[in-house]
């Protein structure tokens, strides 16, 4: 018997995914979707796409953290965030690291999302 609380489909392979993998995919989708790009759901997504080509400084770091937090607070009710950081890799890609708790269990999670 399957005890999964969340059941979905992996957007890359079409295979079934459950629980934390479903949350991970949803978080990634929320963060990489520009606000205004979804028909019939114009408010869905985050402001990260507007911040990607800005000069990297402390102000940008705060804006990225705020964009992630507000988007996930609005669109992903299954998690409670405890930390958001971001790093730039050697090849210039931006990676957002998120930590938090699942609402339905005492489990903590951490995940990294490449946003550029």
PDB file of N, CA and C in Angstrom:
ATOM      1  N   UNK A   1       0.845  -1.183   0.000  1.00  0.00           N
ATOM      2  CA  UNK A   1       0.000   0.000   0.000  1.00  0.00           C
ATOM      3  C   UNK A   1       0.883   1.236   0.000  1.00  0.00           C
ATOM      4  N   UNK A   2       0.524   2.225  -0.779  1.00  0.00           N
ATOM      5  CA  UNK A   2       1.290   3.455  -0.906  1.00  0.00           C
ATOM      6  C   UNK A   2       0.796   4.475   0.114  1.00  0.00           C
ATOM      7  N   UNK A   3       1.705   4.998   0.937  1.00  0.00           N
ATOM      8  CA  UNK A   3       1.343   5.981   1.949  1.00  0.00           C
ATOM      9  C   UNK A   3       1.645   7.400   1.509  1.00  0.00           C
ATOM     10  N   UNK A   4       1.840   7.629   0.242  1.00  0.00           N
ATOM     11  CA  UNK A   4       2.173   8.957  -0.267  1.00  0.00           C
ATOM     12  C   UNK A   4       1.004   9.912  -0.059  1.00  0.00           C
ATOM     13  N   UNK A   5       1.331  11.128   0.353  1.00  0.00           N
ATOM     14  CA  UNK A   5       0.312  12.152   0.536  1.00  0.00           C
ATOM     15  C   UNK A   5       0.120  12.970  -0.730  1.00  0.00           C
ATOM     16  N   UNK A   6       1.183  13.115  -1.497  1.00  0.00           N
ATOM     17  CA  UNK A   6       1.126  13.891  -2.736  1.00  0.00           C
ATOM     18  C   UNK A   6       1.519  12.986  -3.882  1.00  0.00           C
ATOM     19  N   UNK A   7       0.747  13.023  -4.922  1.00  0.00           N
ATOM     20  CA  UNK A   7       1.028  12.207  -6.085  1.00  0.00           C
ATOM     21  C   UNK A   7       0.984  13.110  -7.305  1.00  0.00           C
ATOM     22  N   UNK A   8       2.001  13.019  -8.113  1.00  0.00           N
ATOM     23  CA  UNK A   8       2.059  13.844  -9.311  1.00  0.00           C
ATOM     24  C   UNK A   8       2.861  13.147 -10.382  1.00  0.00           C
ATOM     25  N   UNK A   9       3.152  13.895 -11.444  1.00  0.00           N
ATOM     26  CA  UNK A   9       3.901  13.344 -12.558  1.00  0.00           C
ATOM     27  C   UNK A   9       5.172  14.154 -12.754  1.00  0.00           C
ATOM     28  N   UNK A  10       6.284  13.455 -12.922  1.00  0.00           N
ATOM     29  CA  UNK A  10       7.551  14.109 -13.208  1.00  0.00           C
ATOM     30  C   UNK A  10       7.462  14.749 -14.582  1.00  0.00           C
ATOM     31  N   UNK A  11       7.738  16.051 -14.648  1.00  0.00           N
ATOM     32  CA  UNK A  11       7.578  16.750 -15.923  1.00  0.00           C
ATOM     33  C   UNK A  11       8.615  16.336 -16.955  1.00  0.00           C
ATOM     34  N   UNK A  12       9.715  15.728 -16.532  1.00  0.00           N
ATOM     35  CA  UNK A  12      10.748  15.296 -17.463  1.00  0.00           C
ATOM     36  C   UNK A  12      10.562  13.881 -17.979  1.00  0.00           C
ATOM     37  N   UNK A  13      10.175  12.980 -17.078  1.00  0.00           N
ATOM     38  CA  UNK A  13      10.101  11.567 -17.457  1.00  0.00           C
ATOM     39  C   UNK A  13       8.676  11.047 -17.624  1.00  0.00           C
ATOM     40  N   UNK A  14       7.702  11.726 -17.034  1.00  0.00           N
ATOM     41  CA  UNK A  14       6.327  11.249 -17.078  1.00  0.00           C
ATOM     42  C   UNK A  14       6.018  10.212 -16.020  1.00  0.00           C
ATOM     43  N   UNK A  15       7.013   9.845 -15.223  1.00  0.00           N
ATOM     44  CA  UNK A  15       6.805   8.851 -14.162  1.00  0.00           C
ATOM     45  C   UNK A  15       6.132   9.501 -12.947  1.00  0.00           C
ATOM     46  N   UNK A  16       5.536   8.663 -12.129  1.00  0.00           N
ATOM     47  CA  UNK A  16       4.875   9.151 -10.920  1.00  0.00           C
ATOM     48  C   UNK A  16       5.912   9.625  -9.906  1.00  0.00           C
ATOM     49  N   UNK A  17       5.596  10.715  -9.224  1.00  0.00           N
ATOM     50  CA  UNK A  17       6.429  11.196  -8.121  1.00  0.00           C
ATOM     51  C   UNK A  17       5.524  11.443  -6.923  1.00  0.00           C
ATOM     52  N   UNK A  18       6.109  11.351  -5.738  1.00  0.00           N
ATOM     53  CA  UNK A  18       5.331  11.528  -4.524  1.00  0.00           C
ATOM     54  C   UNK A  18       6.063  12.427  -3.544  1.00  0.00           C
ATOM     55  N   UNK A  19       5.316  12.917  -2.594  1.00  0.00           N
ATOM     56  CA  UNK A  19       5.786  13.655  -1.429  1.00  0.00           C
ATOM     57  C   UNK A  19       6.865  14.686  -1.736  1.00  0.00           C
ATOM     58  N   UNK A  20       8.067  14.526  -1.206  1.00  0.00           N
ATOM     59  CA  UNK A  20       9.070  15.581  -1.284  1.00  0.00           C
ATOM     60  C   UNK A  20       9.494  15.851  -2.721  1.00  0.00           C
ATOM     61  N   UNK A  21       9.498  14.837  -3.570  1.00  0.00           N
ATOM     62  CA  UNK A  21       9.844  15.079  -4.978  1.00  0.00           C
ATOM     63  C   UNK A  21       8.768  15.921  -5.666  1.00  0.00           C
ATOM     64  N   UNK A  22       7.522  15.713  -5.277  1.00  0.00           N
ATOM     65  CA  UNK A  22       6.431  16.525  -5.825  1.00  0.00           C
ATOM     66  C   UNK A  22       6.566  17.969  -5.347  1.00  0.00           C
ATOM     67  N   UNK A  23       6.891  18.148  -4.082  1.00  0.00           N
ATOM     68  CA  UNK A  23       7.105  19.492  -3.537  1.00  0.00           C
ATOM     69  C   UNK A  23       8.301  20.146  -4.217  1.00  0.00           C
ATOM     70  N   UNK A  24       9.386  19.411  -4.373  1.00  0.00           N
ATOM     71  CA  UNK A  24      10.596  19.933  -5.023  1.00  0.00           C
ATOM     72  C   UNK A  24      10.285  20.421  -6.446  1.00  0.00           C
ATOM     73  N   UNK A  25       9.534  19.629  -7.197  1.00  0.00           N
ATOM     74  CA  UNK A  25       9.177  20.015  -8.558  1.00  0.00           C
ATOM     75  C   UNK A  25       8.281  21.249  -8.554  1.00  0.00           C
ATOM     76  N   UNK A  26       7.342  21.318  -7.625  1.00  0.00           N
ATOM     77  CA  UNK A  26       6.443  22.469  -7.544  1.00  0.00           C
ATOM     78  C   UNK A  26       7.201  23.743  -7.186  1.00  0.00           C
ATOM     79  N   UNK A  27       8.121  23.645  -6.223  1.00  0.00           N
ATOM     80  CA  UNK A  27       8.918  24.806  -5.826  1.00  0.00           C
ATOM     81  C   UNK A  27       9.731  25.307  -7.012  1.00  0.00           C
ATOM     82  N   UNK A  28      10.358  24.404  -7.717  1.00  0.00           N
ATOM     83  CA  UNK A  28      11.143  24.780  -8.894  1.00  0.00           C
ATOM     84  C   UNK A  28      10.259  25.461  -9.934  1.00  0.00           C
ATOM     85  N   UNK A  29       9.090  24.907 -10.187  1.00  0.00           N
ATOM     86  CA  UNK A  29       8.173  25.477 -11.171  1.00  0.00           C
ATOM     87  C   UNK A  29       7.731  26.880 -10.771  1.00  0.00           C
ATOM     88  N   UNK A  30       7.428  27.075  -9.504  1.00  0.00           N
ATOM     89  CA  UNK A  30       7.009  28.391  -9.020  1.00  0.00           C
ATOM     90  C   UNK A  30       8.122  29.409  -9.225  1.00  0.00           C
ATOM     91  N   UNK A  31       9.339  29.042  -8.856  1.00  0.00           N
ATOM     92  CA  UNK A  31      10.442  29.997  -8.906  1.00  0.00           C
ATOM     93  C   UNK A  31      10.884  30.339 -10.325  1.00  0.00           C
ATOM     94  N   UNK A  32      10.815  29.392 -11.245  1.00  0.00           N
ATOM     95  CA  UNK A  32      11.309  29.682 -12.598  1.00  0.00           C
ATOM     96  C   UNK A  32      10.223  30.209 -13.537  1.00  0.00           C
ATOM     97  N   UNK A  33       8.977  30.245 -13.083  1.00  0.00           N
ATOM     98  CA  UNK A  33       7.892  30.775 -13.907  1.00  0.00           C
ATOM     99  C   UNK A  33       7.764  32.281 -13.686  1.00  0.00           C
ATOM    100  N   UNK A  34       7.948  33.077 -14.734  1.00  0.00           N
ATOM    101  CA  UNK A  34       7.780  34.531 -14.580  1.00  0.00           C
ATOM    102  C   UNK A  34       6.317  34.889 -14.326  1.00  0.00           C
ATOM    103  N   UNK A  35       6.084  35.809 -13.407  1.00  0.00           N
ATOM    104  CA  UNK A  35       4.725  36.292 -13.161  1.00  0.00           C
ATOM    105  C   UNK A  35       4.185  36.891 -14.458  1.00  0.00           C
ATOM    106  N   UNK A  36       2.938  36.552 -14.765  1.00  0.00           N
ATOM    107  CA  UNK A  36       2.296  37.057 -15.970  1.00  0.00           C
ATOM    108  C   UNK A  36       2.403  36.133 -17.164  1.00  0.00           C
ATOM    109  N   UNK A  37       3.138  35.037 -17.037  1.00  0.00           N
ATOM    110  CA  UNK A  37       3.341  34.153 -18.189  1.00  0.00           C
ATOM    111  C   UNK A  37       2.317  33.033 -18.296  1.00  0.00           C
ATOM    112  N   UNK A  38       1.546  32.783 -17.268  1.00  0.00           N
ATOM    113  CA  UNK A  38       0.540  31.715 -17.302  1.00  0.00           C
ATOM    114  C   UNK A  38      -0.830  32.293 -17.642  1.00  0.00           C
ATOM    115  N   UNK A  39      -1.412  31.780 -18.706  1.00  0.00           N
ATOM    116  CA  UNK A  39      -2.760  32.201 -19.077  1.00  0.00           C
ATOM    117  C   UNK A  39      -3.727  31.666 -18.029  1.00  0.00           C
ATOM    118  N   UNK A  40      -4.676  32.465 -17.646  1.00  0.00           N
ATOM    119  CA  UNK A  40      -5.698  32.139 -16.648  1.00  0.00           C
ATOM    120  C   UNK A  40      -5.146  32.080 -15.224  1.00  0.00           C
ATOM    121  N   UNK A  41      -3.881  32.311 -15.055  1.00  0.00           N
ATOM    122  CA  UNK A  41      -3.293  32.364 -13.716  1.00  0.00           C
ATOM    123  C   UNK A  41      -2.114  33.339 -13.772  1.00  0.00           C
ATOM    124  N   UNK A  42      -2.408  34.577 -14.089  1.00  0.00           N
ATOM    125  CA  UNK A  42      -1.381  35.586 -14.345  1.00  0.00           C
ATOM    126  C   UNK A  42      -0.513  35.885 -13.133  1.00  0.00           C
ATOM    127  N   UNK A  43      -1.020  35.696 -11.926  1.00  0.00           N
ATOM    128  CA  UNK A  43      -0.236  35.998 -10.721  1.00  0.00           C
ATOM    129  C   UNK A  43       0.708  34.872 -10.315  1.00  0.00           C
ATOM    130  N   UNK A  44       0.603  33.720 -10.975  1.00  0.00           N
ATOM    131  CA  UNK A  44       1.417  32.559 -10.617  1.00  0.00           C
ATOM    132  C   UNK A  44       2.876  32.792 -10.996  1.00  0.00           C
ATOM    133  N   UNK A  45       3.780  32.351 -10.139  1.00  0.00           N
ATOM    134  CA  UNK A  45       5.209  32.417 -10.432  1.00  0.00           C
ATOM    135  C   UNK A  45       5.940  33.327  -9.471  1.00  0.00           C
ATOM    136  N   UNK A  46       7.116  33.779  -9.903  1.00  0.00           N
ATOM    137  CA  UNK A  46       7.936  34.646  -9.055  1.00  0.00           C
ATOM    138  C   UNK A  46       8.552  35.763  -9.890  1.00  0.00           C
ATOM    139  N   UNK A  47       9.147  36.705  -9.206  1.00  0.00           N
ATOM    140  CA  UNK A  47       9.813  37.838  -9.849  1.00  0.00           C
ATOM    141  C   UNK A  47      11.279  37.562 -10.157  1.00  0.00           C
ATOM    142  N   UNK A  48      11.741  36.335  -9.962  1.00  0.00           N
ATOM    143  CA  UNK A  48      13.162  36.031 -10.159  1.00  0.00           C
ATOM    144  C   UNK A  48      13.657  36.342 -11.561  1.00  0.00           C
ATOM    145  N   UNK A  49      12.839  36.111 -12.561  1.00  0.00           N
ATOM    146  CA  UNK A  49      13.292  36.344 -13.937  1.00  0.00           C
ATOM    147  C   UNK A  49      13.661  37.804 -14.172  1.00  0.00           C
ATOM    148  N   UNK A  50      13.042  38.712 -13.439  1.00  0.00           N
ATOM    149  CA  UNK A  50      13.358  40.135 -13.571  1.00  0.00           C
ATOM    150  C   UNK A  50      14.659  40.503 -12.868  1.00  0.00           C
ATOM    151  N   UNK A  51      15.138  39.645 -11.992  1.00  0.00           N
ATOM    152  CA  UNK A  51      16.320  39.955 -11.188  1.00  0.00           C
ATOM    153  C   UNK A  51      17.593  39.294 -11.701  1.00  0.00           C
ATOM    154  N   UNK A  52      17.487  38.388 -12.642  1.00  0.00           N
ATOM    155  CA  UNK A  52      18.632  37.565 -13.022  1.00  0.00           C
ATOM    156  C   UNK A  52      19.810  38.332 -13.605  1.00  0.00           C
ATOM    157  N   UNK A  53      19.587  39.348 -14.395  1.00  0.00           N
ATOM    158  CA  UNK A  53      20.688  40.043 -15.054  1.00  0.00           C
ATOM    159  C   UNK A  53      21.125  41.312 -14.335  1.00  0.00           C
ATOM    160  N   UNK A  54      20.749  41.455 -13.098  1.00  0.00           N
ATOM    161  CA  UNK A  54      21.127  42.630 -12.317  1.00  0.00           C
ATOM    162  C   UNK A  54      22.533  42.455 -11.753  1.00  0.00           C
ATOM    163  N   UNK A  55      23.208  43.578 -11.456  1.00  0.00           N
ATOM    164  CA  UNK A  55      24.526  43.477 -10.801  1.00  0.00           C
ATOM    165  C   UNK A  55      24.379  42.787  -9.440  1.00  0.00           C
ATOM    166  N   UNK A  56      25.265  41.854  -9.161  1.00  0.00           N
ATOM    167  CA  UNK A  56      25.157  41.101  -7.914  1.00  0.00           C
ATOM    168  C   UNK A  56      25.762  41.892  -6.762  1.00  0.00           C
ATOM    169  N   UNK A  57      24.895  42.233  -5.816  1.00  0.00           N
ATOM    170  CA  UNK A  57      25.303  42.957  -4.618  1.00  0.00           C
ATOM    171  C   UNK A  57      24.344  42.587  -3.487  1.00  0.00           C
ATOM    172  N   UNK A  58      24.517  43.216  -2.338  1.00  0.00           N
ATOM    173  CA  UNK A  58      23.679  42.884  -1.183  1.00  0.00           C
ATOM    174  C   UNK A  58      22.203  43.191  -1.416  1.00  0.00           C
ATOM    175  N   UNK A  59      21.925  44.259  -2.151  1.00  0.00           N
ATOM    176  CA  UNK A  59      20.534  44.613  -2.440  1.00  0.00           C
ATOM    177  C   UNK A  59      19.876  43.523  -3.283  1.00  0.00           C
ATOM    178  N   UNK A  60      20.583  43.050  -4.295  1.00  0.00           N
ATOM    179  CA  UNK A  60      20.044  41.982  -5.141  1.00  0.00           C
ATOM    180  C   UNK A  60      19.808  40.713  -4.329  1.00  0.00           C
ATOM    181  N   UNK A  61      20.716  40.388  -3.444  1.00  0.00           N
ATOM    182  CA  UNK A  61      20.546  39.193  -2.602  1.00  0.00           C
ATOM    183  C   UNK A  61      19.235  39.282  -1.812  1.00  0.00           C
ATOM    184  N   UNK A  62      18.981  40.437  -1.236  1.00  0.00           N
ATOM    185  CA  UNK A  62      17.755  40.633  -0.467  1.00  0.00           C
ATOM    186  C   UNK A  62      16.523  40.557  -1.375  1.00  0.00           C
ATOM    187  N   UNK A  63      16.601  41.135  -2.566  1.00  0.00           N
ATOM    188  CA  UNK A  63      15.480  41.082  -3.499  1.00  0.00           C
ATOM    189  C   UNK A  63      15.192  39.648  -3.941  1.00  0.00           C
ATOM    190  N   UNK A  64      16.230  38.876  -4.176  1.00  0.00           N
ATOM    191  CA  UNK A  64      16.044  37.475  -4.573  1.00  0.00           C
ATOM    192  C   UNK A  64      15.405  36.680  -3.444  1.00  0.00           C
ATOM    193  N   UNK A  65      15.887  36.872  -2.240  1.00  0.00           N
ATOM    194  CA  UNK A  65      15.305  36.167  -1.098  1.00  0.00           C
ATOM    195  C   UNK A  65      13.840  36.550  -0.921  1.00  0.00           C
ATOM    196  N   UNK A  66      13.518  37.840  -1.064  1.00  0.00           N
ATOM    197  CA  UNK A  66      12.138  38.302  -0.920  1.00  0.00           C
ATOM    198  C   UNK A  66      11.252  37.749  -2.036  1.00  0.00           C
ATOM    199  N   UNK A  67      11.769  37.718  -3.261  1.00  0.00           N
ATOM    200  CA  UNK A  67      10.990  37.185  -4.387  1.00  0.00           C
ATOM    201  C   UNK A  67      10.675  35.705  -4.175  1.00  0.00           C
ATOM    202  N   UNK A  68      11.663  34.953  -3.711  1.00  0.00           N
ATOM    203  CA  UNK A  68      11.451  33.519  -3.440  1.00  0.00           C
ATOM    204  C   UNK A  68      10.446  33.324  -2.316  1.00  0.00           C
ATOM    205  N   UNK A  69      10.653  34.041  -1.229  1.00  0.00           N
ATOM    206  CA  UNK A  69       9.787  33.874  -0.065  1.00  0.00           C
ATOM    207  C   UNK A  69       8.340  34.222  -0.399  1.00  0.00           C
ATOM    208  N   UNK A  70       8.116  35.365  -1.042  1.00  0.00           N
ATOM    209  CA  UNK A  70       6.737  35.774  -1.317  1.00  0.00           C
ATOM    210  C   UNK A  70       6.052  34.825  -2.300  1.00  0.00           C
ATOM    211  N   UNK A  71       6.778  34.348  -3.316  1.00  0.00           N
ATOM    212  CA  UNK A  71       6.182  33.419  -4.281  1.00  0.00           C
ATOM    213  C   UNK A  71       5.830  32.091  -3.619  1.00  0.00           C
ATOM    214  N   UNK A  72       6.742  31.566  -2.810  1.00  0.00           N
ATOM    215  CA  UNK A  72       6.483  30.271  -2.175  1.00  0.00           C
ATOM    216  C   UNK A  72       5.425  30.386  -1.089  1.00  0.00           C
ATOM    217  N   UNK A  73       5.386  31.503  -0.397  1.00  0.00           N
ATOM    218  CA  UNK A  73       4.348  31.718   0.610  1.00  0.00           C
ATOM    219  C   UNK A  73       2.966  31.721  -0.042  1.00  0.00           C
ATOM    220  N   UNK A  74       2.868  32.323  -1.207  1.00  0.00           N
ATOM    221  CA  UNK A  74       1.586  32.409  -1.893  1.00  0.00           C
ATOM    222  C   UNK A  74       1.185  31.105  -2.579  1.00  0.00           C
ATOM    223  N   UNK A  75       2.135  30.410  -3.206  1.00  0.00           N
ATOM    224  CA  UNK A  75       1.785  29.314  -4.097  1.00  0.00           C
ATOM    225  C   UNK A  75       2.126  27.912  -3.592  1.00  0.00           C
ATOM    226  N   UNK A  76       2.848  27.775  -2.511  1.00  0.00           N
ATOM    227  CA  UNK A  76       3.187  26.429  -2.019  1.00  0.00           C
ATOM    228  C   UNK A  76       2.816  26.302  -0.545  1.00  0.00           C
ATOM    229  N   UNK A  77       1.546  25.968  -0.268  1.00  0.00           N
ATOM    230  CA  UNK A  77       1.078  25.909   1.119  1.00  0.00           C
ATOM    231  C   UNK A  77       1.568  24.684   1.895  1.00  0.00           C
ATOM    232  N   UNK A  78       2.243  23.745   1.245  1.00  0.00           N
ATOM    233  CA  UNK A  78       2.678  22.518   1.917  1.00  0.00           C
ATOM    234  C   UNK A  78       3.975  22.689   2.689  1.00  0.00           C
ATOM    235  N   UNK A  79       4.614  23.862   2.583  1.00  0.00           N
ATOM    236  CA  UNK A  79       5.899  24.063   3.253  1.00  0.00           C
ATOM    237  C   UNK A  79       5.903  25.344   4.070  1.00  0.00           C
ATOM    238  N   UNK A  80       6.786  25.354   5.055  1.00  0.00           N
ATOM    239  CA  UNK A  80       7.061  26.550   5.847  1.00  0.00           C
ATOM    240  C   UNK A  80       8.562  26.780   5.743  1.00  0.00           C
ATOM    241  N   UNK A  81       8.958  27.926   5.228  1.00  0.00           N
ATOM    242  CA  UNK A  81      10.367  28.203   4.974  1.00  0.00           C
ATOM    243  C   UNK A  81      11.105  28.594   6.241  1.00  0.00           C
ATOM    244  N   UNK A  82      12.347  28.139   6.353  1.00  0.00           N
ATOM    245  CA  UNK A  82      13.202  28.569   7.459  1.00  0.00           C
ATOM    246  C   UNK A  82      14.454  29.271   6.961  1.00  0.00           C
ATOM    247  N   UNK A  83      14.790  29.104   5.682  1.00  0.00           N
ATOM    248  CA  UNK A  83      15.963  29.788   5.154  1.00  0.00           C
ATOM    249  C   UNK A  83      16.012  29.777   3.641  1.00  0.00           C
ATOM    250  N   UNK A  84      16.487  30.891   3.083  1.00  0.00           N
ATOM    251  CA  UNK A  84      16.699  31.003   1.642  1.00  0.00           C
ATOM    252  C   UNK A  84      18.049  31.666   1.435  1.00  0.00           C
ATOM    253  N   UNK A  85      18.905  31.023   0.672  1.00  0.00           N
ATOM    254  CA  UNK A  85      20.183  31.621   0.292  1.00  0.00           C
ATOM    255  C   UNK A  85      20.364  31.396  -1.198  1.00  0.00           C
ATOM    256  N   UNK A  86      21.278  32.132  -1.780  1.00  0.00           N
ATOM    257  CA  UNK A  86      21.567  31.851  -3.177  1.00  0.00           C
ATOM    258  C   UNK A  86      23.045  32.016  -3.434  1.00  0.00           C
ATOM    259  N   UNK A  87      23.495  31.260  -4.404  1.00  0.00           N
ATOM    260  CA  UNK A  87      24.898  31.269  -4.794  1.00  0.00           C
ATOM    261  C   UNK A  87      24.981  31.328  -6.306  1.00  0.00           C
ATOM    262  N   UNK A  88      26.104  31.827  -6.774  1.00  0.00           N
ATOM    263  CA  UNK A  88      26.381  31.827  -8.202  1.00  0.00           C
ATOM    264  C   UNK A  88      27.506  30.845  -8.454  1.00  0.00           C
ATOM    265  N   UNK A  89      27.302  29.953  -9.396  1.00  0.00           N
ATOM    266  CA  UNK A  89      28.322  28.958  -9.710  1.00  0.00           C
ATOM    267  C   UNK A  89      29.409  29.585 -10.581  1.00  0.00           C
ATOM    268  N   UNK A  90      30.483  28.848 -10.781  1.00  0.00           N
ATOM    269  CA  UNK A  90      31.613  29.343 -11.569  1.00  0.00           C
ATOM    270  C   UNK A  90      31.184  29.709 -12.983  1.00  0.00           C
ATOM    271  N   UNK A  91      30.249  28.947 -13.540  1.00  0.00           N
ATOM    272  CA  UNK A  91      29.799  29.232 -14.902  1.00  0.00           C
ATOM    273  C   UNK A  91      28.694  30.283 -14.962  1.00  0.00           C
ATOM    274  N   UNK A  92      28.422  30.960 -13.842  1.00  0.00           N
ATOM    275  CA  UNK A  92      27.487  32.079 -13.824  1.00  0.00           C
ATOM    276  C   UNK A  92      26.044  31.729 -13.555  1.00  0.00           C
ATOM    277  N   UNK A  93      25.738  30.478 -13.291  1.00  0.00           N
ATOM    278  CA  UNK A  93      24.363  30.085 -13.000  1.00  0.00           C
ATOM    279  C   UNK A  93      24.022  30.415 -11.552  1.00  0.00           C
ATOM    280  N   UNK A  94      22.773  30.811 -11.347  1.00  0.00           N
ATOM    281  CA  UNK A  94      22.315  31.151 -10.012  1.00  0.00           C
ATOM    282  C   UNK A  94      21.540  29.975  -9.433  1.00  0.00           C
ATOM    283  N   UNK A  95      21.880  29.595  -8.215  1.00  0.00           N
ATOM    284  CA  UNK A  95      21.227  28.481  -7.532  1.00  0.00           C
ATOM    285  C   UNK A  95      20.655  28.992  -6.217  1.00  0.00           C
ATOM    286  N   UNK A  96      19.363  28.751  -6.007  1.00  0.00           N
ATOM    287  CA  UNK A  96      18.694  29.139  -4.771  1.00  0.00           C
ATOM    288  C   UNK A  96      18.602  27.902  -3.883  1.00  0.00           C
ATOM    289  N   UNK A  97      19.086  28.025  -2.648  1.00  0.00           N
ATOM    290  CA  UNK A  97      19.014  26.942  -1.665  1.00  0.00           C
ATOM    291  C   UNK A  97      17.916  27.277  -0.666  1.00  0.00           C
ATOM    292  N   UNK A  98      16.999  26.340  -0.480  1.00  0.00           N
ATOM    293  CA  UNK A  98      15.831  26.555   0.369  1.00  0.00           C
ATOM    294  C   UNK A  98      15.797  25.484   1.444  1.00  0.00           C
ATOM    295  N   UNK A  99      15.539  25.896   2.667  1.00  0.00           N
ATOM    296  CA  UNK A  99      15.335  24.952   3.768  1.00  0.00           C
ATOM    297  C   UNK A  99      14.009  25.288   4.443  1.00  0.00           C
ATOM    298  N   UNK A 100      13.396  24.271   5.011  1.00  0.00           N
ATOM    299  CA  UNK A 100      12.129  24.497   5.683  1.00  0.00           C
ATOM    300  C   UNK A 100      11.547  23.215   6.227  1.00  0.00           C
ATOM    301  N   UNK A 101      10.285  23.288   6.572  1.00  0.00           N
ATOM    302  CA  UNK A 101       9.548  22.160   7.129  1.00  0.00           C
ATOM    303  C   UNK A 101       8.317  21.904   6.285  1.00  0.00           C
ATOM    304  N   UNK A 102       7.965  20.631   6.193  1.00  0.00           N
ATOM    305  CA  UNK A 102       6.682  20.293   5.592  1.00  0.00           C
ATOM    306  C   UNK A 102       5.601  20.562   6.618  1.00  0.00           C
ATOM    307  N   UNK A 103       4.467  21.060   6.169  1.00  0.00           N
ATOM    308  CA  UNK A 103       3.359  21.381   7.064  1.00  0.00           C
ATOM    309  C   UNK A 103       2.705  20.124   7.622  1.00  0.00           C
ATOM    310  N   UNK A 104       2.637  19.078   6.823  1.00  0.00           N
ATOM    311  CA  UNK A 104       1.895  17.876   7.196  1.00  0.00           C
ATOM    312  C   UNK A 104       2.696  16.875   8.020  1.00  0.00           C
ATOM    313  N   UNK A 105       3.995  17.055   8.126  1.00  0.00           N
ATOM    314  CA  UNK A 105       4.838  16.145   8.897  1.00  0.00           C
ATOM    315  C   UNK A 105       5.897  16.966   9.625  1.00  0.00           C
ATOM    316  N   UNK A 106       6.569  16.383  10.589  1.00  0.00           N
ATOM    317  CA  UNK A 106       7.655  17.109  11.255  1.00  0.00           C
ATOM    318  C   UNK A 106       8.954  17.109  10.444  1.00  0.00           C
ATOM    319  N   UNK A 107       8.912  16.539   9.242  1.00  0.00           N
ATOM    320  CA  UNK A 107      10.113  16.424   8.424  1.00  0.00           C
ATOM    321  C   UNK A 107      10.611  17.780   7.942  1.00  0.00           C
ATOM    322  N   UNK A 108      11.922  17.939   7.983  1.00  0.00           N
ATOM    323  CA  UNK A 108      12.544  19.111   7.382  1.00  0.00           C
ATOM    324  C   UNK A 108      13.006  18.737   5.982  1.00  0.00           C
ATOM    325  N   UNK A 109      13.253  19.735   5.179  1.00  0.00           N
ATOM    326  CA  UNK A 109      13.749  19.480   3.837  1.00  0.00           C
ATOM    327  C   UNK A 109      14.723  20.580   3.449  1.00  0.00           C
ATOM    328  N   UNK A 110      15.544  20.269   2.502  1.00  0.00           N
ATOM    329  CA  UNK A 110      16.388  21.278   1.864  1.00  0.00           C
ATOM    330  C   UNK A 110      16.460  20.920   0.394  1.00  0.00           C
ATOM    331  N   UNK A 111      16.464  21.933  -0.427  1.00  0.00           N
ATOM    332  CA  UNK A 111      16.545  21.704  -1.854  1.00  0.00           C
ATOM    333  C   UNK A 111      17.236  22.869  -2.528  1.00  0.00           C
ATOM    334  N   UNK A 112      17.809  22.585  -3.670  1.00  0.00           N
ATOM    335  CA  UNK A 112      18.476  23.600  -4.477  1.00  0.00           C
ATOM    336  C   UNK A 112      17.761  23.685  -5.813  1.00  0.00           C
ATOM    337  N   UNK A 113      17.543  24.915  -6.265  1.00  0.00           N
ATOM    338  CA  UNK A 113      16.858  25.144  -7.526  1.00  0.00           C
ATOM    339  C   UNK A 113      17.734  26.038  -8.388  1.00  0.00           C
ATOM    340  N   UNK A 114      18.072  25.567  -9.573  1.00  0.00           N
ATOM    341  CA  UNK A 114      18.815  26.390 -10.522  1.00  0.00           C
ATOM    342  C   UNK A 114      17.823  27.321 -11.200  1.00  0.00           C
ATOM    343  N   UNK A 115      18.050  28.628 -11.086  1.00  0.00           N
ATOM    344  CA  UNK A 115      17.083  29.595 -11.605  1.00  0.00           C
ATOM    345  C   UNK A 115      17.609  30.368 -12.805  1.00  0.00           C
ATOM    346  N   UNK A 116      18.766  30.003 -13.303  1.00  0.00           N
ATOM    347  CA  UNK A 116      19.260  30.679 -14.512  1.00  0.00           C
ATOM    348  C   UNK A 116      19.964  29.693 -15.408  1.00  0.00           C
TER     349      UNK A 116
END
